[in-house]
Amino acid sequence: MAAASNGGITAYSVKTKTKNVPMLDPIIDIKSGRYIATGKDAEGNKMAAIMGKATAEEHIKNGNAKKGSGW
């Protein structure tokens, strides 16, 4: 689940097993009706977070993320 921390998108890092890791340069795609933010953490590990439509649109409106495919 994606959360907002200081306006940015955070997610769980499977590789480092830590919660609320800030996502750098997130891109939000729509796949099968789901909004998925993909990006990398500070160490370069790939991350993904699934979120609702309202949350995704708010992050894009605030400039925290960019629109990807499916819009």
C-alpha atoms as a PDB file:
ATOM      1  CA  MET A   1       0.000   0.000   0.000  1.00  0.00           C
ATOM      2  CA  ALA A   2       1.322   3.395  -0.946  1.00  0.00           C
ATOM      3  CA  ALA A   3       1.453   6.114   1.643  1.00  0.00           C
ATOM      4  CA  ALA A   4       2.314   9.777   1.472  1.00  0.00           C
ATOM      5  CA  SER A   5       5.380  10.845   3.432  1.00  0.00           C
ATOM      6  CA  ASN A   6       6.313  14.501   3.084  1.00  0.00           C
ATOM      7  CA  GLY A   7       4.220  14.531  -0.075  1.00  0.00           C
ATOM      8  CA  GLY A   8       6.101  11.697  -1.774  1.00  0.00           C
ATOM      9  CA  ILE A   9       5.171   8.089  -2.413  1.00  0.00           C
ATOM     10  CA  THR A  10       6.519   5.488  -0.014  1.00  0.00           C
ATOM     11  CA  ALA A  11       6.381   1.705  -0.256  1.00  0.00           C
ATOM     12  CA  TYR A  12       7.658  -1.512   1.310  1.00  0.00           C
ATOM     13  CA  SER A  13      11.082  -2.624   0.100  1.00  0.00           C
ATOM     14  CA  VAL A  14      11.130  -6.392  -0.333  1.00  0.00           C
ATOM     15  CA  LYS A  15      14.889  -6.514  -0.777  1.00  0.00           C
ATOM     16  CA  THR A  16      15.793  -4.601   2.388  1.00  0.00           C
ATOM     17  CA  LYS A  17      12.604  -5.583   4.283  1.00  0.00           C
ATOM     18  CA  THR A  18      11.885  -2.027   5.424  1.00  0.00           C
ATOM     19  CA  LYS A  19       8.605  -0.103   5.459  1.00  0.00           C
ATOM     20  CA  ASN A  20       7.852   3.429   4.224  1.00  0.00           C
ATOM     21  CA  VAL A  21      10.876   3.706   1.940  1.00  0.00           C
ATOM     22  CA  PRO A  22      10.644   6.866  -0.229  1.00  0.00           C
ATOM     23  CA  MET A  23      10.264   6.165  -3.950  1.00  0.00           C
ATOM     24  CA  LEU A  24      12.425   8.223  -6.319  1.00  0.00           C
ATOM     25  CA  ASP A  25      10.965   9.384  -9.664  1.00  0.00           C
ATOM     26  CA  PRO A  26       7.722   7.350  -9.452  1.00  0.00           C
ATOM     27  CA  ILE A  27       5.621   6.712 -12.542  1.00  0.00           C
ATOM     28  CA  ILE A  28       1.967   5.719 -12.109  1.00  0.00           C
ATOM     29  CA  ASP A  29       0.571   3.268 -14.668  1.00  0.00           C
ATOM     30  CA  ILE A  30      -2.923   1.825 -14.964  1.00  0.00           C
ATOM     31  CA  LYS A  31      -2.935  -1.946 -15.500  1.00  0.00           C
ATOM     32  CA  SER A  32      -6.165  -3.962 -15.330  1.00  0.00           C
ATOM     33  CA  GLY A  33      -7.938  -1.061 -13.619  1.00  0.00           C
ATOM     34  CA  ARG A  34      -5.321  -0.784 -10.853  1.00  0.00           C
ATOM     35  CA  TYR A  35      -3.060   2.180 -10.256  1.00  0.00           C
ATOM     36  CA  ILE A  36       0.543   1.021  -9.821  1.00  0.00           C
ATOM     37  CA  ALA A  37       3.416   3.342  -8.908  1.00  0.00           C
ATOM     38  CA  THR A  38       6.831   2.072  -9.948  1.00  0.00           C
ATOM     39  CA  GLY A  39      10.177   3.600  -9.117  1.00  0.00           C
ATOM     40  CA  LYS A  40      13.452   3.019  -7.297  1.00  0.00           C
ATOM     41  CA  ASP A  41      14.716   3.618  -3.789  1.00  0.00           C
ATOM     42  CA  ALA A  42      17.906   5.491  -2.877  1.00  0.00           C
ATOM     43  CA  GLU A  43      19.988   2.303  -3.351  1.00  0.00           C
ATOM     44  CA  GLY A  44      18.632   1.674  -6.857  1.00  0.00           C
ATOM     45  CA  ASN A  45      16.335  -1.227  -5.954  1.00  0.00           C
ATOM     46  CA  LYS A  46      13.092  -1.418  -7.943  1.00  0.00           C
ATOM     47  CA  MET A  47       9.880  -0.800  -6.011  1.00  0.00           C
ATOM     48  CA  ALA A  48       6.156  -0.872  -6.746  1.00  0.00           C
ATOM     49  CA  ALA A  49       3.062   0.218  -4.850  1.00  0.00           C
ATOM     50  CA  ILE A  50      -0.624  -0.267  -5.621  1.00  0.00           C
ATOM     51  CA  MET A  51      -2.950   2.615  -4.780  1.00  0.00           C
ATOM     52  CA  GLY A  52      -6.467   3.857  -5.360  1.00  0.00           C
ATOM     53  CA  LYS A  53      -7.579   6.238  -8.085  1.00  0.00           C
ATOM     54  CA  ALA A  54      -7.972   9.239  -5.765  1.00  0.00           C
ATOM     55  CA  THR A  55      -4.508   8.779  -4.270  1.00  0.00           C
ATOM     56  CA  ALA A  56      -2.905   8.341  -7.698  1.00  0.00           C
ATOM     57  CA  GLU A  57      -4.560  11.453  -9.102  1.00  0.00           C
ATOM     58  CA  GLU A  58      -3.559  13.472  -6.023  1.00  0.00           C
ATOM     59  CA  HIS A  59       0.118  12.466  -6.367  1.00  0.00           C
ATOM     60  CA  ILE A  60       0.094  13.437 -10.054  1.00  0.00           C
ATOM     61  CA  LYS A  61      -1.675  16.740  -9.326  1.00  0.00           C
ATOM     62  CA  ASN A  62       0.869  17.618  -6.620  1.00  0.00           C
ATOM     63  CA  GLY A  63       3.795  16.751  -8.911  1.00  0.00           C
ATOM     64  CA  ASN A  64       4.989  13.797  -6.819  1.00  0.00           C
ATOM     65  CA  ALA A  65       4.655  11.366  -9.730  1.00  0.00           C
ATOM     66  CA  LYS A  66       4.316  11.278 -13.510  1.00  0.00           C
ATOM     67  CA  LYS A  67       1.631   9.662 -15.636  1.00  0.00           C
ATOM     68  CA  GLY A  68       2.647   6.414 -17.297  1.00  0.00           C
ATOM     69  CA  SER A  69       0.787   4.158 -19.697  1.00  0.00           C
ATOM     70  CA  GLY A  70      -2.920   3.422 -19.552  1.00  0.00           C
ATOM     71  CA  TRP A  71      -4.245   6.920 -18.843  1.00  0.00           C
END
